[in-house]
Amino acid sequence: MKKLLALAVIAGGVLFVVKRNKDSKAEADLWREATAPTKPLGAVSTNGSSPAKASSSDAANN
C-alpha cells in the first residue's frame, strides 16, 4: 500500500511539473505575440489617428 501511495505522489509531481512547463510556454508565446511589432495595414493607422481623408475630387470620381 505504501508503494502505491508513493507511486501516486511521484506521478502527481511529474504531472504538476509538465502542466506548469506547458502553461509557462503558452504564457511566453502569448507575451511574444502581444509585444511583437506590427506591420502597417495600408489605410489603417497604427498610432490611433484617423487616416487621411480623400479629397472631394476623388470622391466625385468614385
C-alpha atoms as a PDB file:
ATOM      1  CA  MET A   1       0.000   0.000   0.000  1.00  0.00           C
ATOM      2  CA  LYS A   2       2.843   2.406   0.784  1.00  0.00           C
ATOM      3  CA  LYS A   3       4.382   1.707  -2.629  1.00  0.00           C
ATOM      4  CA  LEU A   4       1.140   2.653  -4.381  1.00  0.00           C
ATOM      5  CA  LEU A   5       0.882   5.857  -2.394  1.00  0.00           C
ATOM      6  CA  ALA A   6       4.496   6.749  -3.178  1.00  0.00           C
ATOM      7  CA  LEU A   7       3.903   5.995  -6.872  1.00  0.00           C
ATOM      8  CA  ALA A   8       0.803   8.204  -6.882  1.00  0.00           C
ATOM      9  CA  VAL A   9       2.724  11.054  -5.240  1.00  0.00           C
ATOM     10  CA  ILE A  10       5.537  10.781  -7.797  1.00  0.00           C
ATOM     11  CA  ALA A  11       3.092  10.623 -10.728  1.00  0.00           C
ATOM     12  CA  GLY A  12       1.238  13.660  -9.374  1.00  0.00           C
ATOM     13  CA  GLY A  13       4.501  15.573  -9.059  1.00  0.00           C
ATOM     14  CA  VAL A  14       5.509  14.725 -12.614  1.00  0.00           C
ATOM     15  CA  LEU A  15       2.105  15.777 -13.977  1.00  0.00           C
ATOM     16  CA  PHE A  16       2.297  19.020 -11.996  1.00  0.00           C
ATOM     17  CA  VAL A  17       5.710  19.864 -13.456  1.00  0.00           C
ATOM     18  CA  VAL A  18       4.615  19.018 -17.011  1.00  0.00           C
ATOM     19  CA  LYS A  19       1.478  21.167 -16.699  1.00  0.00           C
ATOM     20  CA  ARG A  20       3.465  24.043 -15.215  1.00  0.00           C
ATOM     21  CA  ASN A  21       6.004  23.944 -18.064  1.00  0.00           C
ATOM     22  CA  LYS A  22       3.218  23.827 -20.647  1.00  0.00           C
ATOM     23  CA  ASP A  23       1.462  26.823 -19.058  1.00  0.00           C
ATOM     24  CA  SER A  24       4.742  28.725 -18.892  1.00  0.00           C
ATOM     25  CA  LYS A  25       5.400  28.127 -22.593  1.00  0.00           C
ATOM     26  CA  ALA A  26       1.870  29.215 -23.515  1.00  0.00           C
ATOM     27  CA  GLU A  27       2.249  32.416 -21.495  1.00  0.00           C
ATOM     28  CA  ALA A  28       5.619  33.152 -23.123  1.00  0.00           C
ATOM     29  CA  ASP A  29       4.122  32.635 -26.593  1.00  0.00           C
ATOM     30  CA  LEU A  30       1.199  34.920 -25.769  1.00  0.00           C
ATOM     31  CA  TRP A  31       3.536  37.612 -24.420  1.00  0.00           C
ATOM     32  CA  ARG A  32       5.758  37.337 -27.508  1.00  0.00           C
ATOM     33  CA  GLU A  33       2.733  37.713 -29.787  1.00  0.00           C
ATOM     34  CA  ALA A  34       1.325  40.648 -27.808  1.00  0.00           C
ATOM     35  CA  THR A  35       4.605  42.577 -27.821  1.00  0.00           C
ATOM     36  CA  ALA A  36       5.655  41.829 -31.399  1.00  0.00           C
ATOM     37  CA  PRO A  37       5.944  44.848 -33.690  1.00  0.00           C
ATOM     38  CA  THR A  38       3.046  45.180 -36.103  1.00  0.00           C
ATOM     39  CA  LYS A  39       3.141  45.823 -39.817  1.00  0.00           C
ATOM     40  CA  PRO A  40       1.307  48.857 -41.231  1.00  0.00           C
ATOM     41  CA  LEU A  41      -2.121  47.898 -42.557  1.00  0.00           C
ATOM     42  CA  GLY A  42      -2.436  50.197 -45.554  1.00  0.00           C
ATOM     43  CA  ALA A  43      -5.044  52.866 -44.750  1.00  0.00           C
ATOM     44  CA  VAL A  44      -5.298  51.854 -41.102  1.00  0.00           C
ATOM     45  CA  SER A  45      -3.197  53.984 -38.801  1.00  0.00           C
ATOM     46  CA  THR A  46      -1.100  52.247 -36.151  1.00  0.00           C
ATOM     47  CA  ASN A  47      -0.807  55.328 -33.906  1.00  0.00           C
ATOM     48  CA  GLY A  48      -4.519  55.798 -33.242  1.00  0.00           C
ATOM     49  CA  SER A  49      -5.085  58.804 -35.509  1.00  0.00           C
ATOM     50  CA  SER A  50      -7.508  58.770 -38.404  1.00  0.00           C
ATOM     51  CA  PRO A  51      -6.139  58.099 -41.872  1.00  0.00           C
ATOM     52  CA  ALA A  52      -6.050  60.985 -44.335  1.00  0.00           C
ATOM     53  CA  LYS A  53      -9.393  61.735 -45.981  1.00  0.00           C
ATOM     54  CA  ALA A  54      -9.819  61.578 -49.756  1.00  0.00           C
ATOM     55  CA  SER A  55     -10.227  64.928 -51.481  1.00  0.00           C
ATOM     56  CA  SER A  56     -13.637  65.924 -52.835  1.00  0.00           C
ATOM     57  CA  SER A  57     -12.480  65.429 -56.447  1.00  0.00           C
ATOM     58  CA  ASP A  58     -11.505  61.842 -55.639  1.00  0.00           C
ATOM     59  CA  ALA A  59     -14.878  61.230 -54.029  1.00  0.00           C
ATOM     60  CA  ALA A  60     -16.673  62.569 -57.129  1.00  0.00           C
ATOM     61  CA  ASN A  61     -14.774  60.195 -59.385  1.00  0.00           C
ATOM     62  CA  ASN A  62     -15.835  57.132 -57.332  1.00  0.00           C
END
